[in-house]
Amino acid sequence: MTDVACGRHGSRPATYVCKHVAESLDDGVQRGFWWAKDEEGHFQALCSACDDLPQHVWEQVGSSLGVMLCLDCFVRAAQINDVAIPAE
């Protein structure tokens, strides 16, 4: 698993989210939190708006919306959206 240097939490496992999920960390606004683990074991999450995009649209815009967060920030964003991430 890849690590990311987080300004708040130090070196932690990397996760990948859309920028709207990351914005929840700054403003506390719930935007939905649709998460999964990819085949490499990385956590990923999309807001409701991004999750609702048709696949062909996501393939066109997804790379411009992606943000890397540390695992602790990912869990915090999930909590803001009333989602519990199970402990491993």
PDB file of N, CA and C in Angstrom:
ATOM      1  N   MET A   1       0.842  -1.173   0.000  1.00  0.00           N
ATOM      2  CA  MET A   1       0.000   0.000   0.000  1.00  0.00           C
ATOM      3  C   MET A   1       0.892   1.242   0.000  1.00  0.00           C
ATOM      4  N   THR A   2       0.500   2.228  -0.752  1.00  0.00           N
ATOM      5  CA  THR A   2       1.240   3.475  -0.886  1.00  0.00           C
ATOM      6  C   THR A   2       0.987   4.373   0.316  1.00  0.00           C
ATOM      7  N   ASP A   3       2.008   5.090   0.757  1.00  0.00           N
ATOM      8  CA  ASP A   3       1.847   6.075   1.827  1.00  0.00           C
ATOM      9  C   ASP A   3       1.838   7.477   1.243  1.00  0.00           C
ATOM     10  N   VAL A   4       1.207   8.392   1.970  1.00  0.00           N
ATOM     11  CA  VAL A   4       1.170   9.798   1.607  1.00  0.00           C
ATOM     12  C   VAL A   4       1.591  10.599   2.837  1.00  0.00           C
ATOM     13  N   ALA A   5       2.300  11.695   2.618  1.00  0.00           N
ATOM     14  CA  ALA A   5       2.704  12.576   3.721  1.00  0.00           C
ATOM     15  C   ALA A   5       1.590  13.579   3.963  1.00  0.00           C
ATOM     16  N   CYS A   6       0.886  13.417   5.062  1.00  0.00           N
ATOM     17  CA  CYS A   6      -0.223  14.294   5.421  1.00  0.00           C
ATOM     18  C   CYS A   6       0.286  15.370   6.373  1.00  0.00           C
ATOM     19  N   GLY A   7      -0.071  16.611   6.122  1.00  0.00           N
ATOM     20  CA  GLY A   7       0.339  17.711   6.985  1.00  0.00           C
ATOM     21  C   GLY A   7      -0.230  17.619   8.386  1.00  0.00           C
ATOM     22  N   ARG A   8      -1.326  16.903   8.530  1.00  0.00           N
ATOM     23  CA  ARG A   8      -1.962  16.777   9.839  1.00  0.00           C
ATOM     24  C   ARG A   8      -1.580  15.480  10.559  1.00  0.00           C
ATOM     25  N   HIS A   9      -1.439  14.379   9.813  1.00  0.00           N
ATOM     26  CA  HIS A   9      -1.259  13.063  10.424  1.00  0.00           C
ATOM     27  C   HIS A   9       0.099  12.409  10.151  1.00  0.00           C
ATOM     28  N   GLY A  10       0.954  13.043   9.355  1.00  0.00           N
ATOM     29  CA  GLY A  10       2.248  12.456   9.033  1.00  0.00           C
ATOM     30  C   GLY A  10       2.122  11.413   7.928  1.00  0.00           C
ATOM     31  N   SER A  11       3.058  10.493   7.873  1.00  0.00           N
ATOM     32  CA  SER A  11       3.061   9.462   6.837  1.00  0.00           C
ATOM     33  C   SER A  11       2.009   8.404   7.172  1.00  0.00           C
ATOM     34  N   ARG A  12       1.013   8.287   6.278  1.00  0.00           N
ATOM     35  CA  ARG A  12      -0.100   7.364   6.486  1.00  0.00           C
ATOM     36  C   ARG A  12      -0.455   6.708   5.152  1.00  0.00           C
ATOM     37  N   PRO A  13      -1.188   5.600   5.179  1.00  0.00           N
ATOM     38  CA  PRO A  13      -1.616   4.978   3.923  1.00  0.00           C
ATOM     39  C   PRO A  13      -2.446   5.950   3.078  1.00  0.00           C
ATOM     40  N   ALA A  14      -2.239   5.888   1.771  1.00  0.00           N
ATOM     41  CA  ALA A  14      -2.940   6.773   0.840  1.00  0.00           C
ATOM     42  C   ALA A  14      -4.327   6.225   0.511  1.00  0.00           C
ATOM     43  N   THR A  15      -5.273   7.139   0.325  1.00  0.00           N
ATOM     44  CA  THR A  15      -6.604   6.823  -0.170  1.00  0.00           C
ATOM     45  C   THR A  15      -6.906   7.796  -1.303  1.00  0.00           C
ATOM     46  N   TYR A  16      -7.935   7.494  -2.065  1.00  0.00           N
ATOM     47  CA  TYR A  16      -8.264   8.318  -3.227  1.00  0.00           C
ATOM     48  C   TYR A  16      -9.743   8.686  -3.173  1.00  0.00           C
ATOM     49  N   VAL A  17     -10.030   9.977  -3.310  1.00  0.00           N
ATOM     50  CA  VAL A  17     -11.403  10.471  -3.231  1.00  0.00           C
ATOM     51  C   VAL A  17     -11.626  11.524  -4.314  1.00  0.00           C
ATOM     52  N   CYS A  18     -12.887  11.853  -4.562  1.00  0.00           N
ATOM     53  CA  CYS A  18     -13.160  12.994  -5.436  1.00  0.00           C
ATOM     54  C   CYS A  18     -12.953  14.272  -4.615  1.00  0.00           C
ATOM     55  N   LYS A  19     -12.748  15.365  -5.297  1.00  0.00           N
ATOM     56  CA  LYS A  19     -12.444  16.622  -4.602  1.00  0.00           C
ATOM     57  C   LYS A  19     -13.601  17.076  -3.724  1.00  0.00           C
ATOM     58  N   HIS A  20     -14.809  16.648  -4.019  1.00  0.00           N
ATOM     59  CA  HIS A  20     -15.969  17.053  -3.227  1.00  0.00           C
ATOM     60  C   HIS A  20     -15.949  16.388  -1.851  1.00  0.00           C
ATOM     61  N   VAL A  21     -15.514  15.139  -1.783  1.00  0.00           N
ATOM     62  CA  VAL A  21     -15.331  14.467  -0.494  1.00  0.00           C
ATOM     63  C   VAL A  21     -14.255  15.201   0.301  1.00  0.00           C
ATOM     64  N   ALA A  22     -13.164  15.570  -0.350  1.00  0.00           N
ATOM     65  CA  ALA A  22     -12.090  16.293   0.338  1.00  0.00           C
ATOM     66  C   ALA A  22     -12.566  17.648   0.854  1.00  0.00           C
ATOM     67  N   GLU A  23     -13.454  18.315   0.112  1.00  0.00           N
ATOM     68  CA  GLU A  23     -13.989  19.604   0.550  1.00  0.00           C
ATOM     69  C   GLU A  23     -14.766  19.479   1.856  1.00  0.00           C
ATOM     70  N   SER A  24     -15.349  18.313   2.107  1.00  0.00           N
ATOM     71  CA  SER A  24     -16.074  18.083   3.360  1.00  0.00           C
ATOM     72  C   SER A  24     -15.161  18.247   4.571  1.00  0.00           C
ATOM     73  N   LEU A  25     -13.879  17.945   4.395  1.00  0.00           N
ATOM     74  CA  LEU A  25     -12.919  18.105   5.501  1.00  0.00           C
ATOM     75  C   LEU A  25     -12.756  19.572   5.873  1.00  0.00           C
ATOM     76  N   ASP A  26     -12.916  20.466   4.905  1.00  0.00           N
ATOM     77  CA  ASP A  26     -12.749  21.898   5.162  1.00  0.00           C
ATOM     78  C   ASP A  26     -14.024  22.560   5.671  1.00  0.00           C
ATOM     79  N   ASP A  27     -15.178  22.145   5.128  1.00  0.00           N
ATOM     80  CA  ASP A  27     -16.400  22.872   5.467  1.00  0.00           C
ATOM     81  C   ASP A  27     -17.429  22.063   6.261  1.00  0.00           C
ATOM     82  N   GLY A  28     -17.180  20.763   6.457  1.00  0.00           N
ATOM     83  CA  GLY A  28     -18.079  19.941   7.243  1.00  0.00           C
ATOM     84  C   GLY A  28     -19.409  19.626   6.584  1.00  0.00           C
ATOM     85  N   VAL A  29     -19.560  19.952   5.295  1.00  0.00           N
ATOM     86  CA  VAL A  29     -20.806  19.709   4.577  1.00  0.00           C
ATOM     87  C   VAL A  29     -20.853  18.259   4.096  1.00  0.00           C
ATOM     88  N   GLN A  30     -21.968  17.592   4.365  1.00  0.00           N
ATOM     89  CA  GLN A  30     -22.158  16.229   3.883  1.00  0.00           C
ATOM     90  C   GLN A  30     -22.458  16.258   2.391  1.00  0.00           C
ATOM     91  N   ARG A  31     -21.731  15.446   1.639  1.00  0.00           N
ATOM     92  CA  ARG A  31     -21.925  15.358   0.192  1.00  0.00           C
ATOM     93  C   ARG A  31     -22.170  13.926  -0.267  1.00  0.00           C
ATOM     94  N   GLY A  32     -22.293  13.011   0.684  1.00  0.00           N
ATOM     95  CA  GLY A  32     -22.384  11.596   0.360  1.00  0.00           C
ATOM     96  C   GLY A  32     -20.994  10.989   0.403  1.00  0.00           C
ATOM     97  N   PHE A  33     -20.919   9.701   0.659  1.00  0.00           N
ATOM     98  CA  PHE A  33     -19.628   9.033   0.803  1.00  0.00           C
ATOM     99  C   PHE A  33     -19.805   7.583   0.368  1.00  0.00           C
ATOM    100  N   TRP A  34     -19.577   7.335  -0.904  1.00  0.00           N
ATOM    101  CA  TRP A  34     -19.706   6.002  -1.489  1.00  0.00           C
ATOM    102  C   TRP A  34     -18.308   5.414  -1.630  1.00  0.00           C
ATOM    103  N   TRP A  35     -17.989   4.456  -0.783  1.00  0.00           N
ATOM    104  CA  TRP A  35     -16.605   3.992  -0.705  1.00  0.00           C
ATOM    105  C   TRP A  35     -16.476   2.513  -1.071  1.00  0.00           C
ATOM    106  N   ALA A  36     -15.238   2.170  -1.388  1.00  0.00           N
ATOM    107  CA  ALA A  36     -14.872   0.793  -1.712  1.00  0.00           C
ATOM    108  C   ALA A  36     -13.356   0.676  -1.560  1.00  0.00           C
ATOM    109  N   LYS A  37     -12.872  -0.550  -1.628  1.00  0.00           N
ATOM    110  CA  LYS A  37     -11.435  -0.822  -1.686  1.00  0.00           C
ATOM    111  C   LYS A  37     -11.129  -1.338  -3.079  1.00  0.00           C
ATOM    112  N   ASP A  38     -10.045  -0.814  -3.681  1.00  0.00           N
ATOM    113  CA  ASP A  38      -9.675  -1.301  -5.009  1.00  0.00           C
ATOM    114  C   ASP A  38      -8.906  -2.613  -4.888  1.00  0.00           C
ATOM    115  N   GLU A  39      -8.526  -3.161  -6.031  1.00  0.00           N
ATOM    116  CA  GLU A  39      -7.846  -4.461  -6.051  1.00  0.00           C
ATOM    117  C   GLU A  39      -6.481  -4.445  -5.368  1.00  0.00           C
ATOM    118  N   GLU A  40      -5.916  -3.257  -5.165  1.00  0.00           N
ATOM    119  CA  GLU A  40      -4.628  -3.143  -4.475  1.00  0.00           C
ATOM    120  C   GLU A  40      -4.797  -2.857  -2.984  1.00  0.00           C
ATOM    121  N   GLY A  41      -6.042  -2.774  -2.524  1.00  0.00           N
ATOM    122  CA  GLY A  41      -6.315  -2.542  -1.112  1.00  0.00           C
ATOM    123  C   GLY A  41      -6.427  -1.082  -0.715  1.00  0.00           C
ATOM    124  N   HIS A  42      -6.426  -0.170  -1.702  1.00  0.00           N
ATOM    125  CA  HIS A  42      -6.584   1.256  -1.406  1.00  0.00           C
ATOM    126  C   HIS A  42      -8.058   1.596  -1.232  1.00  0.00           C
ATOM    127  N   PHE A  43      -8.341   2.406  -0.231  1.00  0.00           N
ATOM    128  CA  PHE A  43      -9.697   2.915  -0.069  1.00  0.00           C
ATOM    129  C   PHE A  43      -9.949   4.014  -1.095  1.00  0.00           C
ATOM    130  N   GLN A  44     -11.176   4.048  -1.612  1.00  0.00           N
ATOM    131  CA  GLN A  44     -11.600   5.081  -2.555  1.00  0.00           C
ATOM    132  C   GLN A  44     -12.995   5.527  -2.148  1.00  0.00           C
ATOM    133  N   ALA A  45     -13.325   6.796  -2.427  1.00  0.00           N
ATOM    134  CA  ALA A  45     -14.680   7.274  -2.139  1.00  0.00           C
ATOM    135  C   ALA A  45     -15.067   8.370  -3.114  1.00  0.00           C
ATOM    136  N   LEU A  46     -16.354   8.396  -3.415  1.00  0.00           N
ATOM    137  CA  LEU A  46     -16.937   9.437  -4.250  1.00  0.00           C
ATOM    138  C   LEU A  46     -18.105  10.062  -3.499  1.00  0.00           C
ATOM    139  N   CYS A  47     -18.357  11.332  -3.773  1.00  0.00           N
ATOM    140  CA  CYS A  47     -19.559  11.978  -3.271  1.00  0.00           C
ATOM    141  C   CYS A  47     -20.754  11.450  -4.065  1.00  0.00           C
ATOM    142  N   SER A  48     -21.940  11.794  -3.630  1.00  0.00           N
ATOM    143  CA  SER A  48     -23.142  11.319  -4.324  1.00  0.00           C
ATOM    144  C   SER A  48     -23.211  11.816  -5.762  1.00  0.00           C
ATOM    145  N   ALA A  49     -22.845  13.076  -5.989  1.00  0.00           N
ATOM    146  CA  ALA A  49     -22.912  13.625  -7.350  1.00  0.00           C
ATOM    147  C   ALA A  49     -21.969  12.884  -8.295  1.00  0.00           C
ATOM    148  N   CYS A  50     -20.740  12.635  -7.855  1.00  0.00           N
ATOM    149  CA  CYS A  50     -19.785  11.914  -8.703  1.00  0.00           C
ATOM    150  C   CYS A  50     -20.195  10.455  -8.876  1.00  0.00           C
ATOM    151  N   ASP A  51     -20.726   9.849  -7.823  1.00  0.00           N
ATOM    152  CA  ASP A  51     -21.156   8.461  -7.914  1.00  0.00           C
ATOM    153  C   ASP A  51     -22.314   8.309  -8.900  1.00  0.00           C
ATOM    154  N   ASP A  52     -23.122   9.359  -9.043  1.00  0.00           N
ATOM    155  CA  ASP A  52     -24.267   9.320  -9.963  1.00  0.00           C
ATOM    156  C   ASP A  52     -23.891   9.573 -11.419  1.00  0.00           C
ATOM    157  N   LEU A  53     -22.650   9.988 -11.678  1.00  0.00           N
ATOM    158  CA  LEU A  53     -22.249  10.252 -13.062  1.00  0.00           C
ATOM    159  C   LEU A  53     -22.245   8.957 -13.878  1.00  0.00           C
ATOM    160  N   PRO A  54     -22.702   9.017 -15.110  1.00  0.00           N
ATOM    161  CA  PRO A  54     -22.574   7.834 -15.971  1.00  0.00           C
ATOM    162  C   PRO A  54     -21.093   7.461 -16.136  1.00  0.00           C
ATOM    163  N   GLN A  55     -20.807   6.196 -16.293  1.00  0.00           N
ATOM    164  CA  GLN A  55     -19.429   5.714 -16.383  1.00  0.00           C
ATOM    165  C   GLN A  55     -18.634   6.445 -17.459  1.00  0.00           C
ATOM    166  N   HIS A  56     -19.228   6.672 -18.638  1.00  0.00           N
ATOM    167  CA  HIS A  56     -18.488   7.325 -19.723  1.00  0.00           C
ATOM    168  C   HIS A  56     -18.146   8.773 -19.373  1.00  0.00           C
ATOM    169  N   VAL A  57     -18.972   9.426 -18.579  1.00  0.00           N
ATOM    170  CA  VAL A  57     -18.670  10.795 -18.146  1.00  0.00           C
ATOM    171  C   VAL A  57     -17.555  10.759 -17.107  1.00  0.00           C
ATOM    172  N   TRP A  58     -17.663   9.828 -16.134  1.00  0.00           N
ATOM    173  CA  TRP A  58     -16.619   9.714 -15.110  1.00  0.00           C
ATOM    174  C   TRP A  58     -15.261   9.447 -15.755  1.00  0.00           C
ATOM    175  N   GLU A  59     -15.218   8.606 -16.779  1.00  0.00           N
ATOM    176  CA  GLU A  59     -13.959   8.310 -17.458  1.00  0.00           C
ATOM    177  C   GLU A  59     -13.356   9.556 -18.092  1.00  0.00           C
ATOM    178  N   GLN A  60     -14.178  10.518 -18.476  1.00  0.00           N
ATOM    179  CA  GLN A  60     -13.689  11.759 -19.077  1.00  0.00           C
ATOM    180  C   GLN A  60     -13.221  12.771 -18.032  1.00  0.00           C
ATOM    181  N   VAL A  61     -13.914  12.843 -16.894  1.00  0.00           N
ATOM    182  CA  VAL A  61     -13.629  13.908 -15.922  1.00  0.00           C
ATOM    183  C   VAL A  61     -12.985  13.418 -14.631  1.00  0.00           C
ATOM    184  N   GLY A  62     -13.007  12.128 -14.381  1.00  0.00           N
ATOM    185  CA  GLY A  62     -12.546  11.586 -13.108  1.00  0.00           C
ATOM    186  C   GLY A  62     -11.130  11.963 -12.733  1.00  0.00           C
ATOM    187  N   SER A  63     -10.218  11.970 -13.701  1.00  0.00           N
ATOM    188  CA  SER A  63      -8.821  12.273 -13.370  1.00  0.00           C
ATOM    189  C   SER A  63      -8.648  13.716 -12.906  1.00  0.00           C
ATOM    190  N   SER A  64      -9.532  14.611 -13.335  1.00  0.00           N
ATOM    191  CA  SER A  64      -9.428  16.010 -12.893  1.00  0.00           C
ATOM    192  C   SER A  64     -10.094  16.234 -11.537  1.00  0.00           C
ATOM    193  N   LEU A  65     -10.833  15.243 -11.054  1.00  0.00           N
ATOM    194  CA  LEU A  65     -11.539  15.380  -9.783  1.00  0.00           C
ATOM    195  C   LEU A  65     -10.882  14.616  -8.648  1.00  0.00           C
ATOM    196  N   GLY A  66      -9.876  13.804  -8.944  1.00  0.00           N
ATOM    197  CA  GLY A  66      -9.260  12.946  -7.938  1.00  0.00           C
ATOM    198  C   GLY A  66      -8.326  13.675  -7.000  1.00  0.00           C
ATOM    199  N   VAL A  67      -8.392  13.279  -5.721  1.00  0.00           N
ATOM    200  CA  VAL A  67      -7.547  13.847  -4.671  1.00  0.00           C
ATOM    201  C   VAL A  67      -7.035  12.688  -3.816  1.00  0.00           C
ATOM    202  N   MET A  68      -5.791  12.772  -3.379  1.00  0.00           N
ATOM    203  CA  MET A  68      -5.229  11.775  -2.481  1.00  0.00           C
ATOM    204  C   MET A  68      -5.329  12.292  -1.049  1.00  0.00           C
ATOM    205  N   LEU A  69      -5.860  11.463  -0.168  1.00  0.00           N
ATOM    206  CA  LEU A  69      -5.931  11.775   1.260  1.00  0.00           C
ATOM    207  C   LEU A  69      -5.239  10.671   2.041  1.00  0.00           C
ATOM    208  N   CYS A  70      -4.795  10.992   3.234  1.00  0.00           N
ATOM    209  CA  CYS A  70      -4.296   9.931   4.105  1.00  0.00           C
ATOM    210  C   CYS A  70      -5.496   9.168   4.671  1.00  0.00           C
ATOM    211  N   LEU A  71      -5.239   7.983   5.179  1.00  0.00           N
ATOM    212  CA  LEU A  71      -6.319   7.138   5.692  1.00  0.00           C
ATOM    213  C   LEU A  71      -7.065   7.814   6.834  1.00  0.00           C
ATOM    214  N   ASP A  72      -6.364   8.528   7.697  1.00  0.00           N
ATOM    215  CA  ASP A  72      -7.039   9.196   8.812  1.00  0.00           C
ATOM    216  C   ASP A  72      -7.990  10.288   8.313  1.00  0.00           C
ATOM    217  N   CYS A  73      -7.583  11.050   7.306  1.00  0.00           N
ATOM    218  CA  CYS A  73      -8.464  12.066   6.726  1.00  0.00           C
ATOM    219  C   CYS A  73      -9.653  11.409   6.024  1.00  0.00           C
ATOM    220  N   PHE A  74      -9.417  10.283   5.372  1.00  0.00           N
ATOM    221  CA  PHE A  74     -10.487   9.521   4.726  1.00  0.00           C
ATOM    222  C   PHE A  74     -11.542   9.120   5.758  1.00  0.00           C
ATOM    223  N   VAL A  75     -11.094   8.590   6.882  1.00  0.00           N
ATOM    224  CA  VAL A  75     -12.009   8.170   7.946  1.00  0.00           C
ATOM    225  C   VAL A  75     -12.770   9.376   8.492  1.00  0.00           C
ATOM    226  N   ARG A  76     -12.092  10.498   8.646  1.00  0.00           N
ATOM    227  CA  ARG A  76     -12.754  11.714   9.126  1.00  0.00           C
ATOM    228  C   ARG A  76     -13.820  12.176   8.132  1.00  0.00           C
ATOM    229  N   ALA A  77     -13.510  12.155   6.840  1.00  0.00           N
ATOM    230  CA  ALA A  77     -14.495  12.530   5.823  1.00  0.00           C
ATOM    231  C   ALA A  77     -15.693  11.583   5.864  1.00  0.00           C
ATOM    232  N   ALA A  78     -15.441  10.306   6.080  1.00  0.00           N
ATOM    233  CA  ALA A  78     -16.537   9.337   6.207  1.00  0.00           C
ATOM    234  C   ALA A  78     -17.415   9.690   7.403  1.00  0.00           C
ATOM    235  N   GLN A  79     -16.802  10.009   8.538  1.00  0.00           N
ATOM    236  CA  GLN A  79     -17.555  10.362   9.738  1.00  0.00           C
ATOM    237  C   GLN A  79     -18.419  11.600   9.512  1.00  0.00           C
ATOM    238  N   ILE A  80     -17.885  12.591   8.810  1.00  0.00           N
ATOM    239  CA  ILE A  80     -18.658  13.794   8.500  1.00  0.00           C
ATOM    240  C   ILE A  80     -19.925  13.421   7.749  1.00  0.00           C
ATOM    241  N   ASN A  81     -19.834  12.382   6.924  1.00  0.00           N
ATOM    242  CA  ASN A  81     -20.962  11.925   6.118  1.00  0.00           C
ATOM    243  C   ASN A  81     -21.737  10.788   6.773  1.00  0.00           C
ATOM    244  N   ASP A  82     -21.525  10.593   8.084  1.00  0.00           N
ATOM    245  CA  ASP A  82     -22.226   9.567   8.868  1.00  0.00           C
ATOM    246  C   ASP A  82     -22.001   8.161   8.337  1.00  0.00           C
ATOM    247  N   VAL A  83     -20.777   7.905   7.883  1.00  0.00           N
ATOM    248  CA  VAL A  83     -20.401   6.581   7.397  1.00  0.00           C
ATOM    249  C   VAL A  83     -19.281   6.051   8.283  1.00  0.00           C
ATOM    250  N   ALA A  84     -19.423   4.813   8.724  1.00  0.00           N
ATOM    251  CA  ALA A  84     -18.394   4.160   9.536  1.00  0.00           C
ATOM    252  C   ALA A  84     -17.550   3.256   8.644  1.00  0.00           C
ATOM    253  N   ILE A  85     -16.243   3.419   8.737  1.00  0.00           N
ATOM    254  CA  ILE A  85     -15.306   2.548   8.013  1.00  0.00           C
ATOM    255  C   ILE A  85     -14.878   1.447   8.991  1.00  0.00           C
ATOM    256  N   PRO A  86     -15.131   0.190   8.658  1.00  0.00           N
ATOM    257  CA  PRO A  86     -14.778  -0.883   9.595  1.00  0.00           C
ATOM    258  C   PRO A  86     -13.259  -0.978   9.809  1.00  0.00           C
ATOM    259  N   ALA A  87     -12.876  -1.262  11.042  1.00  0.00           N
ATOM    260  CA  ALA A  87     -11.460  -1.462  11.362  1.00  0.00           C
ATOM    261  C   ALA A  87     -10.994  -2.751  10.711  1.00  0.00           C
ATOM    262  N   GLU A  88      -9.750  -2.748  10.298  1.00  0.00           N
ATOM    263  CA  GLU A  88      -9.199  -3.927   9.623  1.00  0.00           C
ATOM    264  C   GLU A  88      -8.559  -4.847  10.625  1.00  0.00           C
TER     265      GLU A  88
END
